[in-house]
Amino acid sequence: MKNIIIIPAIAALALAACGSENEAQPSTQGSAPTPGEKVAPAPTEKTPESLADQGRKRFSATCTVCHTVNDGDPSRVGPNLFGIVGKTAGASDDFAYSDAVANAEIVWTEENLDAFIENPQTFLRGNRMAFAGERNAENRAAIIVYLKTLK
């Protein structure tokens, strides 16, 4: 008779050790998780360096066909973007800008770059940039962080 009681008790302990349906639920009481409780990992914060690296990769994949970024490099189909953040639009002497850009009288702030990269034709009508735009805000932000490193 004692074996009949011990076996279900051992089985119950074994099942408890394996987990339960509630295991995936994080603690909502603000206390430390109980042993065996699965807790979602804390979101990783992106450092400026990792954002710049992400931006460099995105820029390389989409922008280097038309733009150079090193100080002194010649312009291509688009102007060299070294030092672009904080620069007045149409200010490079070695590039023939469209009238729209040359007469824009805007400074390439982070906000203006964000709007331009999102949709160049809407932001500055009449420019010659063939790029359709980057709709993903995270990608745009990363590209801008990268552009800020070009100084």
C-alpha atoms as a PDB file:
ATOM      1  CA  MET A   1       0.000   0.000   0.000  1.00  0.00           C
ATOM      2  CA  LYS A   2       2.889   2.351   0.775  1.00  0.00           C
ATOM      3  CA  ASN A   3       4.253   1.876  -2.769  1.00  0.00           C
ATOM      4  CA  ILE A   4       0.979   3.050  -4.242  1.00  0.00           C
ATOM      5  CA  ILE A   5       1.268   6.403  -2.409  1.00  0.00           C
ATOM      6  CA  ILE A   6       4.998   6.883  -3.061  1.00  0.00           C
ATOM      7  CA  ILE A   7       4.831   6.308  -6.833  1.00  0.00           C
ATOM      8  CA  PRO A   8       2.258   9.082  -7.485  1.00  0.00           C
ATOM      9  CA  ALA A   9       4.255  11.422  -5.225  1.00  0.00           C
ATOM     10  CA  ILE A  10       7.468  10.723  -7.157  1.00  0.00           C
ATOM     11  CA  ALA A  11       5.635  11.170 -10.468  1.00  0.00           C
ATOM     12  CA  ALA A  12       4.235  14.513  -9.269  1.00  0.00           C
ATOM     13  CA  LEU A  13       7.711  15.717  -8.260  1.00  0.00           C
ATOM     14  CA  ALA A  14       9.159  14.622 -11.609  1.00  0.00           C
ATOM     15  CA  LEU A  15       6.471  16.507 -13.503  1.00  0.00           C
ATOM     16  CA  ALA A  16       7.000  19.611 -11.384  1.00  0.00           C
ATOM     17  CA  ALA A  17      10.722  19.505 -12.156  1.00  0.00           C
ATOM     18  CA  CYS A  18       9.983  19.385 -15.879  1.00  0.00           C
ATOM     19  CA  GLY A  19       7.960  22.580 -15.808  1.00  0.00           C
ATOM     20  CA  SER A  20       4.379  23.543 -16.336  1.00  0.00           C
ATOM     21  CA  GLU A  21       2.225  25.746 -18.534  1.00  0.00           C
ATOM     22  CA  ASN A  22       2.921  28.725 -16.284  1.00  0.00           C
ATOM     23  CA  GLU A  23       6.659  28.397 -16.721  1.00  0.00           C
ATOM     24  CA  ALA A  24       6.803  30.690 -19.755  1.00  0.00           C
ATOM     25  CA  GLN A  25       4.981  33.462 -17.885  1.00  0.00           C
ATOM     26  CA  PRO A  26       7.334  36.001 -16.306  1.00  0.00           C
ATOM     27  CA  SER A  27       6.798  36.930 -12.687  1.00  0.00           C
ATOM     28  CA  THR A  28       4.390  39.824 -12.385  1.00  0.00           C
ATOM     29  CA  GLN A  29       4.963  40.518  -8.726  1.00  0.00           C
ATOM     30  CA  GLY A  30       8.286  42.314  -9.176  1.00  0.00           C
ATOM     31  CA  SER A  31      10.187  39.724  -7.193  1.00  0.00           C
ATOM     32  CA  ALA A  32      13.008  37.513  -8.326  1.00  0.00           C
ATOM     33  CA  PRO A  33      11.916  34.644 -10.554  1.00  0.00           C
ATOM     34  CA  THR A  34      11.471  31.297  -8.921  1.00  0.00           C
ATOM     35  CA  PRO A  35      13.889  28.512  -9.856  1.00  0.00           C
ATOM     36  CA  GLY A  36      12.958  27.107 -13.244  1.00  0.00           C
ATOM     37  CA  GLU A  37      10.846  30.143 -14.199  1.00  0.00           C
ATOM     38  CA  LYS A  38      11.652  31.405 -17.670  1.00  0.00           C
ATOM     39  CA  VAL A  39      12.061  35.152 -17.901  1.00  0.00           C
ATOM     40  CA  ALA A  40      12.297  37.050 -21.172  1.00  0.00           C
ATOM     41  CA  PRO A  41      15.769  38.484 -21.712  1.00  0.00           C
ATOM     42  CA  ALA A  42      16.145  42.220 -21.281  1.00  0.00           C
ATOM     43  CA  PRO A  43      16.126  44.039 -24.604  1.00  0.00           C
ATOM     44  CA  THR A  44      19.622  44.853 -25.783  1.00  0.00           C
ATOM     45  CA  GLU A  45      20.289  48.520 -26.183  1.00  0.00           C
ATOM     46  CA  LYS A  46      22.041  49.506 -29.351  1.00  0.00           C
ATOM     47  CA  THR A  47      25.151  51.519 -28.739  1.00  0.00           C
ATOM     48  CA  PRO A  48      26.068  54.384 -31.054  1.00  0.00           C
ATOM     49  CA  GLU A  49      28.869  52.179 -32.363  1.00  0.00           C
ATOM     50  CA  SER A  50      26.531  49.308 -33.228  1.00  0.00           C
ATOM     51  CA  LEU A  51      24.050  51.723 -34.832  1.00  0.00           C
ATOM     52  CA  ALA A  52      26.857  53.287 -36.857  1.00  0.00           C
ATOM     53  CA  ASP A  53      27.979  49.824 -37.967  1.00  0.00           C
ATOM     54  CA  GLN A  54      24.402  48.910 -38.918  1.00  0.00           C
ATOM     55  CA  GLY A  55      24.136  52.222 -40.777  1.00  0.00           C
ATOM     56  CA  ARG A  56      27.451  51.673 -42.558  1.00  0.00           C
ATOM     57  CA  LYS A  57      26.262  48.268 -43.748  1.00  0.00           C
ATOM     58  CA  ARG A  58      22.907  49.648 -44.907  1.00  0.00           C
ATOM     59  CA  PHE A  59      24.621  52.615 -46.559  1.00  0.00           C
ATOM     60  CA  SER A  60      27.103  50.324 -48.311  1.00  0.00           C
ATOM     61  CA  ALA A  61      24.289  48.143 -49.612  1.00  0.00           C
ATOM     62  CA  THR A  62      22.190  50.986 -51.016  1.00  0.00           C
ATOM     63  CA  CYS A  63      24.118  54.251 -51.308  1.00  0.00           C
ATOM     64  CA  THR A  64      27.732  53.614 -52.329  1.00  0.00           C
ATOM     65  CA  VAL A  65      26.763  52.988 -55.918  1.00  0.00           C
ATOM     66  CA  CYS A  66      26.202  56.764 -56.174  1.00  0.00           C
ATOM     67  CA  HIS A  67      27.999  58.333 -53.183  1.00  0.00           C
ATOM     68  CA  THR A  68      31.523  58.344 -51.781  1.00  0.00           C
ATOM     69  CA  VAL A  69      32.207  59.080 -48.120  1.00  0.00           C
ATOM     70  CA  ASN A  70      35.944  59.614 -47.609  1.00  0.00           C
ATOM     71  CA  ASP A  71      37.394  63.111 -47.330  1.00  0.00           C
ATOM     72  CA  GLY A  72      38.711  64.124 -50.721  1.00  0.00           C
ATOM     73  CA  ASP A  73      37.108  61.312 -52.706  1.00  0.00           C
ATOM     74  CA  PRO A  74      35.565  62.471 -55.970  1.00  0.00           C
ATOM     75  CA  SER A  75      31.810  62.617 -56.317  1.00  0.00           C
ATOM     76  CA  ARG A  76      30.015  59.990 -58.351  1.00  0.00           C
ATOM     77  CA  VAL A  77      26.465  60.245 -59.652  1.00  0.00           C
ATOM     78  CA  GLY A  78      25.730  61.821 -56.258  1.00  0.00           C
ATOM     79  CA  PRO A  79      27.959  64.086 -54.188  1.00  0.00           C
ATOM     80  CA  ASN A  80      30.589  62.940 -51.700  1.00  0.00           C
ATOM     81  CA  LEU A  81      28.876  62.810 -48.301  1.00  0.00           C
ATOM     82  CA  PHE A  82      31.896  63.358 -46.049  1.00  0.00           C
ATOM     83  CA  GLY A  83      30.850  65.886 -43.404  1.00  0.00           C
ATOM     84  CA  ILE A  84      27.260  66.038 -44.687  1.00  0.00           C
ATOM     85  CA  VAL A  85      25.602  66.363 -41.258  1.00  0.00           C
ATOM     86  CA  GLY A  86      25.367  70.084 -40.503  1.00  0.00           C
ATOM     87  CA  LYS A  87      26.325  71.071 -44.048  1.00  0.00           C
ATOM     88  CA  THR A  88      24.207  73.333 -46.250  1.00  0.00           C
ATOM     89  CA  ALA A  89      22.521  71.495 -49.127  1.00  0.00           C
ATOM     90  CA  GLY A  90      24.249  72.027 -52.451  1.00  0.00           C
ATOM     91  CA  ALA A  91      27.467  73.340 -50.884  1.00  0.00           C
ATOM     92  CA  SER A  92      30.080  71.036 -52.435  1.00  0.00           C
ATOM     93  CA  ASP A  93      32.031  72.765 -55.171  1.00  0.00           C
ATOM     94  CA  ASP A  94      32.857  69.552 -57.023  1.00  0.00           C
ATOM     95  CA  PHE A  95      29.290  68.486 -57.763  1.00  0.00           C
ATOM     96  CA  ALA A  96      26.701  69.875 -60.192  1.00  0.00           C
ATOM     97  CA  TYR A  97      23.528  69.904 -58.088  1.00  0.00           C
ATOM     98  CA  SER A  98      20.021  70.175 -59.447  1.00  0.00           C
ATOM     99  CA  ASP A  99      18.466  73.628 -59.125  1.00  0.00           C
ATOM    100  CA  ALA A 100      16.174  72.192 -56.438  1.00  0.00           C
ATOM    101  CA  VAL A 101      19.124  71.251 -54.201  1.00  0.00           C
ATOM    102  CA  ALA A 102      21.326  74.215 -55.115  1.00  0.00           C
ATOM    103  CA  ASN A 103      18.550  76.666 -54.207  1.00  0.00           C
ATOM    104  CA  ALA A 104      17.091  74.757 -51.264  1.00  0.00           C
ATOM    105  CA  GLU A 105      18.754  76.821 -48.518  1.00  0.00           C
ATOM    106  CA  ILE A 106      18.442  73.966 -46.043  1.00  0.00           C
ATOM    107  CA  VAL A 107      20.978  72.501 -43.660  1.00  0.00           C
ATOM    108  CA  TRP A 108      21.382  68.750 -43.483  1.00  0.00           C
ATOM    109  CA  THR A 109      20.262  68.316 -39.898  1.00  0.00           C
ATOM    110  CA  GLU A 110      19.370  64.860 -38.612  1.00  0.00           C
ATOM    111  CA  GLU A 111      15.683  65.712 -39.079  1.00  0.00           C
ATOM    112  CA  ASN A 112      16.160  66.935 -42.659  1.00  0.00           C
ATOM    113  CA  LEU A 113      18.309  63.936 -43.544  1.00  0.00           C
ATOM    114  CA  ASP A 114      15.689  61.615 -42.069  1.00  0.00           C
ATOM    115  CA  ALA A 115      12.924  63.172 -44.164  1.00  0.00           C
ATOM    116  CA  PHE A 116      15.091  63.230 -47.289  1.00  0.00           C
ATOM    117  CA  ILE A 117      16.257  59.622 -46.955  1.00  0.00           C
ATOM    118  CA  GLU A 118      12.672  58.509 -46.319  1.00  0.00           C
ATOM    119  CA  ASN A 119      11.436  60.010 -49.579  1.00  0.00           C
ATOM    120  CA  PRO A 120      13.829  62.266 -51.505  1.00  0.00           C
ATOM    121  CA  GLN A 121      11.272  63.332 -54.106  1.00  0.00           C
ATOM    122  CA  THR A 122       8.658  64.373 -51.557  1.00  0.00           C
ATOM    123  CA  PHE A 123      11.100  66.171 -49.270  1.00  0.00           C
ATOM    124  CA  LEU A 124      12.816  68.151 -52.009  1.00  0.00           C
ATOM    125  CA  ARG A 125      10.834  68.178 -55.224  1.00  0.00           C
ATOM    126  CA  GLY A 126      12.884  68.458 -58.391  1.00  0.00           C
ATOM    127  CA  ASN A 127      16.078  66.857 -57.113  1.00  0.00           C
ATOM    128  CA  ARG A 128      17.760  64.279 -59.324  1.00  0.00           C
ATOM    129  CA  MET A 129      18.285  61.560 -56.744  1.00  0.00           C
ATOM    130  CA  ALA A 130      17.000  58.313 -58.243  1.00  0.00           C
ATOM    131  CA  PHE A 131      16.744  56.550 -54.865  1.00  0.00           C
ATOM    132  CA  ALA A 132      13.098  55.788 -54.023  1.00  0.00           C
ATOM    133  CA  GLY A 133      13.683  56.169 -50.288  1.00  0.00           C
ATOM    134  CA  GLU A 134      14.131  54.134 -47.125  1.00  0.00           C
ATOM    135  CA  ARG A 135      10.761  53.612 -45.446  1.00  0.00           C
ATOM    136  CA  ASN A 136      12.169  51.811 -42.384  1.00  0.00           C
ATOM    137  CA  ALA A 137      12.754  54.399 -39.629  1.00  0.00           C
ATOM    138  CA  GLU A 138      15.316  52.214 -37.830  1.00  0.00           C
ATOM    139  CA  ASN A 139      17.379  51.871 -41.004  1.00  0.00           C
ATOM    140  CA  ARG A 140      17.215  55.630 -41.606  1.00  0.00           C
ATOM    141  CA  ALA A 141      18.292  56.357 -38.039  1.00  0.00           C
ATOM    142  CA  ALA A 142      21.229  53.960 -38.367  1.00  0.00           C
ATOM    143  CA  ILE A 143      22.308  55.542 -41.666  1.00  0.00           C
ATOM    144  CA  ILE A 144      22.210  58.992 -40.069  1.00  0.00           C
ATOM    145  CA  VAL A 145      24.281  57.788 -37.090  1.00  0.00           C
ATOM    146  CA  TYR A 146      26.798  56.481 -39.633  1.00  0.00           C
ATOM    147  CA  LEU A 147      26.770  59.748 -41.614  1.00  0.00           C
ATOM    148  CA  LYS A 148      27.523  61.614 -38.380  1.00  0.00           C
ATOM    149  CA  THR A 149      30.770  59.640 -38.081  1.00  0.00           C
ATOM    150  CA  LEU A 150      31.989  61.003 -41.430  1.00  0.00           C
ATOM    151  CA  LYS A 151      33.949  63.989 -40.189  1.00  0.00           C
END
